Amino acid sequence: MDLGNLLSAGRSNAGGGMDQETELTLKIRMDRKKYAWSLYRNGIAEPIKYSVPIFSTEAAATAAGLQVLARINLRKK
């Protein structure tokens, strides 16, 4: 499940203090009847943060992933 349209663009500091726009995408995956979330930066194949598959529903994994994304966006402001 790709929730990229629900997520806002954030700012990150990279390359000697230069600001650049990076959009984060939350993806939910199922692994052995449990769900997990992963956060990706656009254009980068590896996740920047992820959970282990411990959530029993897709909605629970999505809610947890959105909470982490909100904390990341608060730190960037």
N, C-alpha and C. Protein backbone atom coordinates (compact mmCIF):
# COMPACT_ATOMS: atom_id res chain seq x y z
N MET A 1 0.85 -1.18 0.00
CA MET A 1 0.00 0.00 0.00
C MET A 1 0.88 1.22 0.00
N ASP A 2 0.68 2.14 -0.92
CA ASP A 2 1.48 3.34 -1.04
C ASP A 2 0.65 4.54 -0.60
N LEU A 3 1.07 5.22 0.45
CA LEU A 3 0.33 6.36 0.97
C LEU A 3 1.03 7.67 0.66
N GLY A 4 1.83 7.68 -0.39
CA GLY A 4 2.60 8.86 -0.75
C GLY A 4 1.76 10.10 -0.96
N ASN A 5 0.55 9.96 -1.47
CA ASN A 5 -0.29 11.12 -1.69
C ASN A 5 -0.78 11.74 -0.39
N LEU A 6 -0.82 10.95 0.69
CA LEU A 6 -1.28 11.45 1.98
C LEU A 6 -0.18 12.17 2.75
N LEU A 7 1.05 11.97 2.35
CA LEU A 7 2.17 12.47 3.12
C LEU A 7 2.69 13.77 2.52
N SER A 8 3.10 14.66 3.38
CA SER A 8 3.61 15.95 2.91
C SER A 8 5.11 15.89 2.72
N ALA A 9 5.62 16.84 1.95
CA ALA A 9 7.06 16.93 1.72
C ALA A 9 7.72 17.52 2.95
N GLY A 10 8.90 17.02 3.28
CA GLY A 10 9.64 17.54 4.43
C GLY A 10 10.94 18.15 3.98
N ARG A 11 11.62 18.80 4.90
CA ARG A 11 12.92 19.37 4.60
C ARG A 11 13.98 18.56 5.32
N SER A 12 15.12 18.37 4.67
CA SER A 12 16.23 17.70 5.35
C SER A 12 17.50 18.49 5.11
N ASN A 13 18.41 18.41 6.04
CA ASN A 13 19.70 19.05 5.91
C ASN A 13 20.69 18.05 5.35
N ALA A 14 21.28 18.35 4.21
CA ALA A 14 22.24 17.44 3.61
C ALA A 14 23.26 18.25 2.82
N GLY A 15 24.44 17.69 2.67
CA GLY A 15 25.45 18.31 1.82
C GLY A 15 25.93 19.66 2.29
N GLY A 16 26.50 19.75 3.48
CA GLY A 16 27.09 21.01 3.94
C GLY A 16 26.06 22.06 4.31
N GLY A 17 24.90 21.67 4.80
CA GLY A 17 23.93 22.64 5.26
C GLY A 17 22.97 23.13 4.20
N MET A 18 23.00 22.55 3.03
CA MET A 18 22.09 22.96 1.97
C MET A 18 20.75 22.27 2.19
N ASP A 19 19.64 23.02 2.13
CA ASP A 19 18.32 22.43 2.26
C ASP A 19 17.88 21.89 0.92
N GLN A 20 17.25 20.73 0.95
CA GLN A 20 16.69 20.17 -0.28
C GLN A 20 15.37 19.51 0.05
N GLU A 21 14.42 19.58 -0.87
CA GLU A 21 13.11 18.98 -0.67
C GLU A 21 13.22 17.46 -0.81
N THR A 22 12.66 16.74 0.13
CA THR A 22 12.57 15.29 0.03
C THR A 22 11.18 14.88 0.45
N GLU A 23 10.56 14.06 -0.33
CA GLU A 23 9.24 13.57 0.01
C GLU A 23 9.37 12.18 0.58
N LEU A 24 8.65 11.93 1.66
CA LEU A 24 8.68 10.63 2.30
C LEU A 24 7.44 9.85 1.90
N THR A 25 7.62 8.56 1.68
CA THR A 25 6.52 7.68 1.30
C THR A 25 6.41 6.57 2.33
N LEU A 26 5.21 6.34 2.82
CA LEU A 26 4.93 5.27 3.76
C LEU A 26 4.39 4.08 2.99
N LYS A 27 5.02 2.92 3.20
CA LYS A 27 4.56 1.69 2.55
C LYS A 27 4.28 0.65 3.63
N ILE A 28 3.19 -0.08 3.43
CA ILE A 28 2.79 -1.14 4.35
C ILE A 28 2.98 -2.47 3.64
N ARG A 29 3.56 -3.44 4.33
CA ARG A 29 3.74 -4.76 3.72
C ARG A 29 3.26 -5.84 4.68
N MET A 30 2.89 -6.97 4.12
CA MET A 30 2.45 -8.10 4.93
C MET A 30 3.55 -9.17 4.89
N ASP A 31 3.86 -9.72 6.07
CA ASP A 31 4.87 -10.75 6.19
C ASP A 31 4.38 -11.78 7.19
N ARG A 32 4.04 -12.97 6.71
CA ARG A 32 3.57 -14.07 7.58
C ARG A 32 2.37 -13.67 8.44
N LYS A 33 1.36 -13.14 7.83
CA LYS A 33 0.09 -12.77 8.48
C LYS A 33 0.21 -11.59 9.44
N LYS A 34 1.32 -10.85 9.42
CA LYS A 34 1.50 -9.64 10.21
C LYS A 34 1.90 -8.52 9.27
N TYR A 35 1.63 -7.29 9.69
CA TYR A 35 1.92 -6.12 8.86
C TYR A 35 3.07 -5.31 9.45
N ALA A 36 3.77 -4.61 8.59
CA ALA A 36 4.87 -3.73 8.98
C ALA A 36 4.83 -2.48 8.11
N TRP A 37 5.41 -1.39 8.60
CA TRP A 37 5.50 -0.16 7.81
C TRP A 37 6.97 0.15 7.52
N SER A 38 7.18 0.90 6.44
CA SER A 38 8.52 1.38 6.05
C SER A 38 8.38 2.78 5.50
N LEU A 39 9.35 3.64 5.82
CA LEU A 39 9.40 5.00 5.27
C LEU A 39 10.53 5.08 4.26
N TYR A 40 10.22 5.61 3.09
CA TYR A 40 11.20 5.74 2.01
C TYR A 40 11.32 7.19 1.59
N ARG A 41 12.50 7.59 1.19
CA ARG A 41 12.71 8.86 0.50
C ARG A 41 12.58 8.58 -0.98
N ASN A 42 11.97 9.52 -1.71
CA ASN A 42 11.82 9.33 -3.16
C ASN A 42 13.19 9.18 -3.82
N GLY A 43 13.29 8.19 -4.68
CA GLY A 43 14.52 7.95 -5.41
C GLY A 43 15.52 7.08 -4.68
N ILE A 44 15.21 6.65 -3.46
CA ILE A 44 16.11 5.80 -2.69
C ILE A 44 15.41 4.48 -2.42
N ALA A 45 16.06 3.38 -2.78
CA ALA A 45 15.43 2.06 -2.70
C ALA A 45 15.33 1.51 -1.28
N GLU A 46 16.26 1.87 -0.42
CA GLU A 46 16.28 1.36 0.95
C GLU A 46 15.44 2.26 1.86
N PRO A 47 14.70 1.66 2.80
CA PRO A 47 13.91 2.50 3.72
C PRO A 47 14.79 3.26 4.69
N ILE A 48 14.32 4.45 5.12
CA ILE A 48 15.07 5.21 6.12
C ILE A 48 14.66 4.81 7.53
N LYS A 49 13.45 4.29 7.67
CA LYS A 49 12.95 3.75 8.94
C LYS A 49 11.97 2.64 8.62
N TYR A 50 11.87 1.66 9.52
CA TYR A 50 10.93 0.58 9.30
C TYR A 50 10.60 -0.10 10.63
N SER A 51 9.49 -0.82 10.63
CA SER A 51 9.11 -1.59 11.81
C SER A 51 9.27 -3.08 11.51
N VAL A 52 9.29 -3.86 12.55
CA VAL A 52 9.22 -5.30 12.37
C VAL A 52 7.75 -5.65 12.14
N PRO A 53 7.45 -6.77 11.51
CA PRO A 53 6.04 -7.12 11.26
C PRO A 53 5.33 -7.61 12.52
N ILE A 54 4.79 -6.67 13.28
CA ILE A 54 4.12 -7.02 14.54
C ILE A 54 2.65 -6.61 14.57
N PHE A 55 2.19 -5.90 13.57
CA PHE A 55 0.83 -5.38 13.59
C PHE A 55 -0.13 -6.40 13.01
N SER A 56 -1.25 -6.60 13.68
CA SER A 56 -2.21 -7.62 13.24
C SER A 56 -3.11 -7.13 12.12
N THR A 57 -3.22 -5.80 11.95
CA THR A 57 -4.04 -5.26 10.87
C THR A 57 -3.27 -4.21 10.08
N GLU A 58 -3.68 -4.03 8.85
CA GLU A 58 -3.06 -3.01 8.00
C GLU A 58 -3.32 -1.61 8.56
N ALA A 59 -4.49 -1.40 9.13
CA ALA A 59 -4.83 -0.09 9.70
C ALA A 59 -3.93 0.25 10.89
N ALA A 60 -3.61 -0.73 11.72
CA ALA A 60 -2.73 -0.50 12.86
C ALA A 60 -1.31 -0.15 12.40
N ALA A 61 -0.83 -0.85 11.39
CA ALA A 61 0.51 -0.56 10.85
C ALA A 61 0.54 0.84 10.22
N THR A 62 -0.53 1.20 9.51
CA THR A 62 -0.61 2.53 8.89
C THR A 62 -0.62 3.62 9.95
N ALA A 63 -1.41 3.44 10.99
CA ALA A 63 -1.48 4.44 12.07
C ALA A 63 -0.12 4.62 12.74
N ALA A 64 0.57 3.53 13.01
CA ALA A 64 1.90 3.61 13.64
C ALA A 64 2.89 4.30 12.71
N GLY A 65 2.87 3.98 11.43
CA GLY A 65 3.76 4.62 10.47
C GLY A 65 3.50 6.10 10.34
N LEU A 66 2.23 6.50 10.36
CA LEU A 66 1.89 7.92 10.27
C LEU A 66 2.33 8.68 11.52
N GLN A 67 2.30 8.04 12.69
CA GLN A 67 2.80 8.67 13.91
C GLN A 67 4.29 8.94 13.81
N VAL A 68 5.04 7.98 13.30
CA VAL A 68 6.49 8.17 13.13
C VAL A 68 6.75 9.28 12.13
N LEU A 69 6.01 9.31 11.05
CA LEU A 69 6.17 10.36 10.04
C LEU A 69 5.87 11.73 10.63
N ALA A 70 4.85 11.83 11.46
CA ALA A 70 4.52 13.11 12.10
C ALA A 70 5.66 13.57 13.00
N ARG A 71 6.27 12.65 13.75
CA ARG A 71 7.41 13.02 14.61
C ARG A 71 8.59 13.50 13.78
N ILE A 72 8.85 12.86 12.65
CA ILE A 72 9.94 13.28 11.77
C ILE A 72 9.67 14.68 11.24
N ASN A 73 8.45 14.93 10.79
CA ASN A 73 8.11 16.25 10.25
C ASN A 73 8.17 17.33 11.31
N LEU A 74 7.83 17.02 12.57
CA LEU A 74 7.92 18.02 13.65
C LEU A 74 9.36 18.40 13.92
N ARG A 75 10.27 17.42 13.87
CA ARG A 75 11.69 17.70 14.10
C ARG A 75 12.28 18.58 13.01
N LYS A 76 11.75 18.51 11.82
CA LYS A 76 12.31 19.24 10.69
C LYS A 76 11.88 20.71 10.68
N LYS A 77 10.86 21.05 11.44
CA LYS A 77 10.36 22.45 11.45
C LYS A 77 11.16 23.33 12.34
